């Protein structure tokens, strides 16, 4: 079985911005497991465990999903937490696509993969990059104050979206290792 997901790559310039933001937040002393910026991507659909023989069907579904969607840009928008600032569990950086092609693409992927038996997400798609996960509430209030102070900061970062990838995720003690199984270009 192959643990897999469909995602959009994040350019090195954005990974560098994320590393700087993480560095600032580390000063809070909060008990956070920071995501290695080199591993950060925008997940469009988590598939879970698939069989190798499903890869061709999934790629065909991806091709159908990008039909009619031309390349577009996303920008880093803001910083926030899930589920809320009082009980933060995940720290994220939001993404914005003024053309709404990202939302259409993600919806197409959900619908086309549903035909193959992959259950659609119940939660509404919220484009974000996870940059950290709280391990405990130690230092939470200082971190929350820092996030609140930076939540509307102007983040100058742009992502060109011209392809989507079917990714393989191997979980290791040292952290996940991601590799590309298939790539599908936008129209």
C-alpha atoms as a PDB file:
ATOM      1  CA  UNK A   1       0.000   0.000   0.000  1.00  0.00           C
ATOM      2  CA  UNK A   2       1.133   3.519  -0.812  1.00  0.00           C
ATOM      3  CA  UNK A   3       0.181   6.396   1.511  1.00  0.00           C
ATOM      4  CA  UNK A   4      -0.646   9.204  -0.892  1.00  0.00           C
ATOM      5  CA  UNK A   5      -2.134  12.640  -1.514  1.00  0.00           C
ATOM      6  CA  UNK A   6      -2.574  15.175  -4.308  1.00  0.00           C
ATOM      7  CA  UNK A   7      -0.751  18.471  -3.798  1.00  0.00           C
ATOM      8  CA  UNK A   8       0.681  21.650  -5.257  1.00  0.00           C
ATOM      9  CA  UNK A   9       4.418  22.324  -4.882  1.00  0.00           C
ATOM     10  CA  UNK A  10       5.546  25.395  -2.992  1.00  0.00           C
ATOM     11  CA  UNK A  11       8.517  27.348  -4.431  1.00  0.00           C
ATOM     12  CA  UNK A  12      11.724  27.842  -2.455  1.00  0.00           C
ATOM     13  CA  UNK A  13      11.021  31.592  -2.057  1.00  0.00           C
ATOM     14  CA  UNK A  14       7.843  30.755  -0.085  1.00  0.00           C
ATOM     15  CA  UNK A  15       9.653  28.101   1.970  1.00  0.00           C
ATOM     16  CA  UNK A  16      12.199  30.794   2.918  1.00  0.00           C
ATOM     17  CA  UNK A  17       9.398  33.132   4.061  1.00  0.00           C
ATOM     18  CA  UNK A  18       7.875  30.307   6.123  1.00  0.00           C
ATOM     19  CA  UNK A  19      11.249  29.584   7.751  1.00  0.00           C
ATOM     20  CA  UNK A  20      11.544  33.264   8.785  1.00  0.00           C
ATOM     21  CA  UNK A  21       8.008  33.293  10.244  1.00  0.00           C
ATOM     22  CA  UNK A  22       8.692  30.056  12.132  1.00  0.00           C
ATOM     23  CA  UNK A  23      11.925  31.510  13.479  1.00  0.00           C
ATOM     24  CA  UNK A  24      10.014  34.526  14.847  1.00  0.00           C
ATOM     25  CA  UNK A  25       7.385  32.290  16.479  1.00  0.00           C
ATOM     26  CA  UNK A  26      10.005  30.021  18.052  1.00  0.00           C
ATOM     27  CA  UNK A  27      10.894  32.966  20.313  1.00  0.00           C
ATOM     28  CA  UNK A  28       7.546  32.425  22.068  1.00  0.00           C
ATOM     29  CA  UNK A  29       8.965  29.293  23.713  1.00  0.00           C
ATOM     30  CA  UNK A  30       5.728  27.446  22.880  1.00  0.00           C
ATOM     31  CA  UNK A  31       5.755  23.654  22.644  1.00  0.00           C
ATOM     32  CA  UNK A  32       5.359  23.407  18.866  1.00  0.00           C
ATOM     33  CA  UNK A  33       6.524  20.809  16.377  1.00  0.00           C
ATOM     34  CA  UNK A  34       7.490  23.004  13.448  1.00  0.00           C
ATOM     35  CA  UNK A  35       7.037  21.579   9.970  1.00  0.00           C
ATOM     36  CA  UNK A  36      10.265  21.481   7.979  1.00  0.00           C
ATOM     37  CA  UNK A  37       9.723  24.204   5.333  1.00  0.00           C
ATOM     38  CA  UNK A  38      11.244  21.905   2.690  1.00  0.00           C
ATOM     39  CA  UNK A  39       8.317  19.488   3.221  1.00  0.00           C
ATOM     40  CA  UNK A  40       5.519  22.056   3.063  1.00  0.00           C
ATOM     41  CA  UNK A  41       2.998  21.765   0.215  1.00  0.00           C
ATOM     42  CA  UNK A  42      -0.648  22.599  -0.403  1.00  0.00           C
ATOM     43  CA  UNK A  43      -2.670  19.400  -0.045  1.00  0.00           C
ATOM     44  CA  UNK A  44      -5.669  19.302  -2.369  1.00  0.00           C
ATOM     45  CA  UNK A  45      -6.796  15.787  -1.419  1.00  0.00           C
ATOM     46  CA  UNK A  46      -5.465  13.207   1.039  1.00  0.00           C
ATOM     47  CA  UNK A  47      -6.051   9.750  -0.412  1.00  0.00           C
ATOM     48  CA  UNK A  48      -4.697   7.545   2.350  1.00  0.00           C
ATOM     49  CA  UNK A  49      -3.410   4.115   1.370  1.00  0.00           C
ATOM     50  CA  UNK A  50      -3.752   3.202  -2.293  1.00  0.00           C
ATOM     51  CA  UNK A  51      -2.649   0.196  -4.324  1.00  0.00           C
ATOM     52  CA  UNK A  52      -0.043   0.636  -7.042  1.00  0.00           C
ATOM     53  CA  UNK A  53      -2.577  -0.484  -9.653  1.00  0.00           C
ATOM     54  CA  UNK A  54      -4.809   2.512  -8.726  1.00  0.00           C
ATOM     55  CA  UNK A  55      -2.201   5.072  -9.789  1.00  0.00           C
ATOM     56  CA  UNK A  56      -3.255   5.124 -13.478  1.00  0.00           C
ATOM     57  CA  UNK A  57      -6.946   5.636 -12.578  1.00  0.00           C
ATOM     58  CA  UNK A  58      -6.022   8.418 -10.156  1.00  0.00           C
ATOM     59  CA  UNK A  59      -3.855  10.130 -12.795  1.00  0.00           C
ATOM     60  CA  UNK A  60      -6.744   9.964 -15.313  1.00  0.00           C
ATOM     61  CA  UNK A  61      -8.974  11.535 -12.665  1.00  0.00           C
ATOM     62  CA  UNK A  62      -6.389  14.291 -12.106  1.00  0.00           C
ATOM     63  CA  UNK A  63      -6.236  14.958 -15.863  1.00  0.00           C
ATOM     64  CA  UNK A  64     -10.029  15.256 -15.959  1.00  0.00           C
ATOM     65  CA  UNK A  65      -9.909  17.589 -12.915  1.00  0.00           C
ATOM     66  CA  UNK A  66      -7.526  20.112 -14.512  1.00  0.00           C
ATOM     67  CA  UNK A  67      -9.397  20.253 -17.828  1.00  0.00           C
ATOM     68  CA  UNK A  68     -10.166  23.877 -18.676  1.00  0.00           C
ATOM     69  CA  UNK A  69      -8.127  25.288 -15.760  1.00  0.00           C
ATOM     70  CA  UNK A  70      -5.266  27.480 -16.911  1.00  0.00           C
ATOM     71  CA  UNK A  71      -2.226  28.247 -14.726  1.00  0.00           C
ATOM     72  CA  UNK A  72      -2.835  30.806 -11.975  1.00  0.00           C
ATOM     73  CA  UNK A  73      -1.179  32.529  -9.015  1.00  0.00           C
ATOM     74  CA  UNK A  74      -1.824  32.234  -5.305  1.00  0.00           C
ATOM     75  CA  UNK A  75      -0.510  34.643  -2.712  1.00  0.00           C
ATOM     76  CA  UNK A  76       0.273  34.214   0.963  1.00  0.00           C
ATOM     77  CA  UNK A  77      -2.535  35.977   2.781  1.00  0.00           C
ATOM     78  CA  UNK A  78      -2.379  35.736   6.552  1.00  0.00           C
ATOM     79  CA  UNK A  79      -1.414  33.656   9.579  1.00  0.00           C
ATOM     80  CA  UNK A  80      -3.866  31.821  11.802  1.00  0.00           C
ATOM     81  CA  UNK A  81      -4.630  28.743  13.848  1.00  0.00           C
ATOM     82  CA  UNK A  82      -7.054  25.834  13.877  1.00  0.00           C
ATOM     83  CA  UNK A  83      -9.465  25.414  15.576  1.00  0.00           C
ATOM     84  CA  UNK A  84      -9.212  28.838  17.298  1.00  0.00           C
ATOM     85  CA  UNK A  85      -6.772  31.180  19.056  1.00  0.00           C
ATOM     86  CA  UNK A  86      -7.893  30.082  22.551  1.00  0.00           C
ATOM     87  CA  UNK A  87      -7.088  26.420  21.844  1.00  0.00           C
ATOM     88  CA  UNK A  88      -4.608  26.445  18.987  1.00  0.00           C
ATOM     89  CA  UNK A  89      -3.594  23.049  17.591  1.00  0.00           C
ATOM     90  CA  UNK A  90      -2.338  23.925  14.105  1.00  0.00           C
ATOM     91  CA  UNK A  91      -0.532  27.086  12.980  1.00  0.00           C
ATOM     92  CA  UNK A  92      -1.019  27.938   9.308  1.00  0.00           C
ATOM     93  CA  UNK A  93      -0.375  30.504   6.608  1.00  0.00           C
ATOM     94  CA  UNK A  94      -3.392  31.210   4.432  1.00  0.00           C
ATOM     95  CA  UNK A  95      -3.445  31.314   0.652  1.00  0.00           C
ATOM     96  CA  UNK A  96      -5.537  33.435  -1.669  1.00  0.00           C
ATOM     97  CA  UNK A  97      -6.415  32.943  -5.332  1.00  0.00           C
ATOM     98  CA  UNK A  98      -8.429  35.857  -6.657  1.00  0.00           C
ATOM     99  CA  UNK A  99      -9.377  33.886  -9.805  1.00  0.00           C
ATOM    100  CA  UNK A 100     -10.985  31.101  -7.694  1.00  0.00           C
ATOM    101  CA  UNK A 101      -9.344  28.508  -9.965  1.00  0.00           C
ATOM    102  CA  UNK A 102      -7.884  26.816  -6.886  1.00  0.00           C
ATOM    103  CA  UNK A 103     -11.354  26.229  -5.424  1.00  0.00           C
ATOM    104  CA  UNK A 104     -12.639  24.924  -8.762  1.00  0.00           C
ATOM    105  CA  UNK A 105      -9.611  22.638  -9.105  1.00  0.00           C
ATOM    106  CA  UNK A 106     -10.014  21.232  -5.602  1.00  0.00           C
ATOM    107  CA  UNK A 107     -13.766  20.708  -6.117  1.00  0.00           C
ATOM    108  CA  UNK A 108     -13.094  18.908  -9.424  1.00  0.00           C
ATOM    109  CA  UNK A 109     -10.560  16.642  -7.724  1.00  0.00           C
ATOM    110  CA  UNK A 110     -13.036  15.792  -4.942  1.00  0.00           C
ATOM    111  CA  UNK A 111     -15.818  15.012  -7.439  1.00  0.00           C
ATOM    112  CA  UNK A 112     -13.668  12.960  -9.821  1.00  0.00           C
ATOM    113  CA  UNK A 113     -12.029  10.959  -7.039  1.00  0.00           C
ATOM    114  CA  UNK A 114     -15.425  10.336  -5.428  1.00  0.00           C
ATOM    115  CA  UNK A 115     -16.314   8.399  -8.603  1.00  0.00           C
ATOM    116  CA  UNK A 116     -13.288   6.174  -7.859  1.00  0.00           C
ATOM    117  CA  UNK A 117     -14.535   5.569  -4.308  1.00  0.00           C
ATOM    118  CA  UNK A 118     -12.530   8.180  -2.375  1.00  0.00           C
ATOM    119  CA  UNK A 119     -14.779   9.779   0.225  1.00  0.00           C
ATOM    120  CA  UNK A 120     -15.142  13.572  -0.165  1.00  0.00           C
ATOM    121  CA  UNK A 121     -13.970  15.781   2.697  1.00  0.00           C
ATOM    122  CA  UNK A 122     -16.790  16.900   4.965  1.00  0.00           C
ATOM    123  CA  UNK A 123     -15.030  20.148   5.873  1.00  0.00           C
ATOM    124  CA  UNK A 124     -15.022  23.069   3.466  1.00  0.00           C
ATOM    125  CA  UNK A 125     -11.683  23.429   1.675  1.00  0.00           C
ATOM    126  CA  UNK A 126      -9.583  26.128   3.346  1.00  0.00           C
ATOM    127  CA  UNK A 127      -6.378  26.774   1.381  1.00  0.00           C
ATOM    128  CA  UNK A 128      -3.503  26.903   3.868  1.00  0.00           C
ATOM    129  CA  UNK A 129       0.026  25.745   4.544  1.00  0.00           C
ATOM    130  CA  UNK A 130       0.506  24.050   7.919  1.00  0.00           C
ATOM    131  CA  UNK A 131       3.688  25.449   9.490  1.00  0.00           C
ATOM    132  CA  UNK A 132       3.430  23.977  12.997  1.00  0.00           C
ATOM    133  CA  UNK A 133       1.443  21.790  15.388  1.00  0.00           C
ATOM    134  CA  UNK A 134       1.163  22.446  19.115  1.00  0.00           C
ATOM    135  CA  UNK A 135       2.316  19.509  21.228  1.00  0.00           C
ATOM    136  CA  UNK A 136       1.083  21.018  24.505  1.00  0.00           C
ATOM    137  CA  UNK A 137      -0.268  24.309  25.844  1.00  0.00           C
ATOM    138  CA  UNK A 138       3.130  25.375  27.234  1.00  0.00           C
ATOM    139  CA  UNK A 139       3.823  28.937  26.067  1.00  0.00           C
ATOM    140  CA  UNK A 140       0.436  29.061  24.327  1.00  0.00           C
ATOM    141  CA  UNK A 141      -0.541  32.559  25.470  1.00  0.00           C
ATOM    142  CA  UNK A 142       2.724  34.161  24.326  1.00  0.00           C
ATOM    143  CA  UNK A 143       2.455  32.344  20.990  1.00  0.00           C
ATOM    144  CA  UNK A 144      -1.198  33.412  20.639  1.00  0.00           C
ATOM    145  CA  UNK A 145      -0.195  37.049  21.262  1.00  0.00           C
ATOM    146  CA  UNK A 146       2.532  36.802  18.602  1.00  0.00           C
ATOM    147  CA  UNK A 147       0.144  35.221  16.085  1.00  0.00           C
ATOM    148  CA  UNK A 148      -2.501  37.847  16.834  1.00  0.00           C
ATOM    149  CA  UNK A 149       0.081  40.611  16.292  1.00  0.00           C
ATOM    150  CA  UNK A 150       1.162  39.106  12.947  1.00  0.00           C
ATOM    151  CA  UNK A 151      -2.164  37.748  11.697  1.00  0.00           C
ATOM    152  CA  UNK A 152      -2.695  40.597   9.243  1.00  0.00           C
ATOM    153  CA  UNK A 153       0.943  41.199   8.392  1.00  0.00           C
ATOM    154  CA  UNK A 154       1.640  41.877   4.736  1.00  0.00           C
ATOM    155  CA  UNK A 155       3.329  38.728   3.450  1.00  0.00           C
ATOM    156  CA  UNK A 156       4.860  39.246   0.037  1.00  0.00           C
ATOM    157  CA  UNK A 157       4.826  35.790  -1.481  1.00  0.00           C
ATOM    158  CA  UNK A 158       3.429  34.446  -4.721  1.00  0.00           C
ATOM    159  CA  UNK A 159       2.996  30.854  -5.925  1.00  0.00           C
ATOM    160  CA  UNK A 160       2.632  30.024  -9.616  1.00  0.00           C
ATOM    161  CA  UNK A 161       0.355  27.012 -10.034  1.00  0.00           C
ATOM    162  CA  UNK A 162       0.858  25.178 -13.321  1.00  0.00           C
ATOM    163  CA  UNK A 163       0.736  21.524 -12.216  1.00  0.00           C
ATOM    164  CA  UNK A 164      -0.520  19.158  -9.537  1.00  0.00           C
ATOM    165  CA  UNK A 165       1.264  16.102  -8.181  1.00  0.00           C
ATOM    166  CA  UNK A 166       0.228  12.704  -6.895  1.00  0.00           C
ATOM    167  CA  UNK A 167       2.565  12.288  -3.933  1.00  0.00           C
ATOM    168  CA  UNK A 168       3.810   9.304  -1.979  1.00  0.00           C
ATOM    169  CA  UNK A 169       4.326   9.801   1.745  1.00  0.00           C
ATOM    170  CA  UNK A 170       6.624   7.488   3.681  1.00  0.00           C
ATOM    171  CA  UNK A 171       6.392   8.015   7.417  1.00  0.00           C
ATOM    172  CA  UNK A 172       9.747   7.653   9.188  1.00  0.00           C
ATOM    173  CA  UNK A 173      10.913   8.277  12.745  1.00  0.00           C
ATOM    174  CA  UNK A 174      12.895  11.242  11.437  1.00  0.00           C
ATOM    175  CA  UNK A 175       9.827  12.653   9.660  1.00  0.00           C
ATOM    176  CA  UNK A 176       7.962  12.030   6.417  1.00  0.00           C
ATOM    177  CA  UNK A 177       9.656  11.571   3.069  1.00  0.00           C
ATOM    178  CA  UNK A 178       7.649  12.752   0.067  1.00  0.00           C
ATOM    179  CA  UNK A 179       8.175  11.703  -3.528  1.00  0.00           C
ATOM    180  CA  UNK A 180       6.258  12.474  -6.722  1.00  0.00           C
ATOM    181  CA  UNK A 181       4.425   9.523  -8.297  1.00  0.00           C
ATOM    182  CA  UNK A 182       2.678  11.415 -11.116  1.00  0.00           C
ATOM    183  CA  UNK A 183       2.485  15.012 -12.360  1.00  0.00           C
ATOM    184  CA  UNK A 184      -0.370  16.570 -14.319  1.00  0.00           C
ATOM    185  CA  UNK A 185       0.040  19.992 -15.947  1.00  0.00           C
ATOM    186  CA  UNK A 186      -2.732  22.567 -16.041  1.00  0.00           C
ATOM    187  CA  UNK A 187      -4.209  23.378 -19.464  1.00  0.00           C
END
